[in-house]
Amino acid sequence: MYYRINEAYDFEVTHCDSFAMARGKGTGEFALREAKNQAMTYGEEIGGTHIVWLHVDEGEETKVVAVIYKCKQ
């Protein structure tokens, strides 16, 4: 799946403004992908350009937390 938002490391977005937190949840065989897709979709909807993953919890239900950044490229 193609996204306009870019995955990044925190040192790559030091010149950007962070403005939102994103979360996602997933279950089943592709739980991590589903959870990340939810967070990335939300980031795009609010106009983010980059996403930095803060936490991934792969328990019974996979959960992700990320920071959404807006960079003036």
Protein backbone atom coordinates (compact mmCIF):
# COMPACT_ATOMS: atom_id res chain seq x y z
CA MET A 1 0.00 0.00 0.00
CA TYR A 2 1.27 3.48 -0.87
CA TYR A 3 1.19 6.36 1.62
CA ARG A 4 2.01 10.03 1.19
CA ILE A 5 3.30 10.10 4.77
CA ASN A 6 6.89 8.93 5.24
CA GLU A 7 8.21 6.71 8.00
CA ALA A 8 11.21 8.36 9.67
CA TYR A 9 13.56 8.21 12.64
CA ASP A 10 13.41 11.01 15.21
CA PHE A 11 16.79 12.47 14.16
CA GLU A 12 15.46 12.88 10.60
CA VAL A 13 12.64 15.20 11.65
CA THR A 14 14.39 17.57 14.07
CA HIS A 15 13.61 20.50 11.73
CA CYS A 16 9.87 19.62 11.64
CA ASP A 17 6.93 20.44 13.88
CA SER A 18 5.34 17.57 15.79
CA PHE A 19 1.65 18.12 16.15
CA ALA A 20 -0.22 14.88 16.85
CA MET A 21 -0.09 11.40 18.28
CA ALA A 22 -1.41 8.46 16.29
CA ARG A 23 -2.44 5.03 17.50
CA GLY A 24 -3.39 1.84 15.76
CA LYS A 25 -4.55 -1.65 16.73
CA GLY A 26 -4.47 -4.94 14.88
CA THR A 27 -5.19 -8.60 15.38
CA GLY A 28 -4.51 -11.77 13.48
CA GLU A 29 -1.77 -12.76 11.07
CA PHE A 30 -1.06 -9.24 9.80
CA ALA A 31 -1.69 -7.39 13.08
CA LEU A 32 1.39 -5.16 12.96
CA ARG A 33 0.72 -4.11 9.38
CA GLU A 34 -2.93 -3.38 10.21
CA ALA A 35 -2.01 -1.31 13.27
CA LYS A 36 0.61 0.72 11.39
CA ASN A 37 -1.78 1.26 8.47
CA GLN A 38 -4.37 2.72 10.84
CA ALA A 39 -1.85 5.16 12.33
CA MET A 40 -0.45 6.16 8.93
CA THR A 41 -3.90 6.71 7.48
CA TYR A 42 -4.78 8.99 10.39
CA GLY A 43 -1.50 10.87 9.94
CA GLU A 44 -2.29 11.52 6.29
CA GLU A 45 -5.86 12.61 7.07
CA ILE A 46 -4.61 15.36 9.36
CA GLY A 47 -1.93 16.57 6.94
CA GLY A 48 1.19 14.96 8.38
CA THR A 49 4.28 14.44 6.26
CA HIS A 50 6.27 12.09 8.52
CA ILE A 51 5.53 9.48 11.18
CA VAL A 52 7.94 8.28 13.89
CA TRP A 53 7.07 5.06 15.70
CA LEU A 54 7.37 5.41 19.48
CA HIS A 55 6.04 2.13 20.76
CA VAL A 56 4.99 -1.25 19.40
CA ASP A 57 3.26 -3.73 21.70
CA GLU A 58 2.80 -7.14 20.09
CA GLY A 59 0.62 -8.84 22.68
CA GLU A 60 -2.70 -10.58 22.05
CA GLU A 61 -3.75 -7.37 20.29
CA THR A 62 -0.94 -5.48 18.55
CA LYS A 63 -0.84 -1.76 19.35
CA VAL A 64 1.34 1.02 17.96
CA VAL A 65 1.89 4.61 19.04
CA ALA A 66 3.56 7.24 16.85
CA VAL A 67 4.19 10.97 16.56
CA ILE A 68 3.00 12.76 13.44
CA TYR A 69 5.22 15.52 12.07
CA LYS A 70 4.66 18.21 9.50
CA CYS A 71 7.82 19.20 7.65
CA LYS A 72 8.16 22.10 5.26
CA GLN A 73 10.30 20.32 2.70
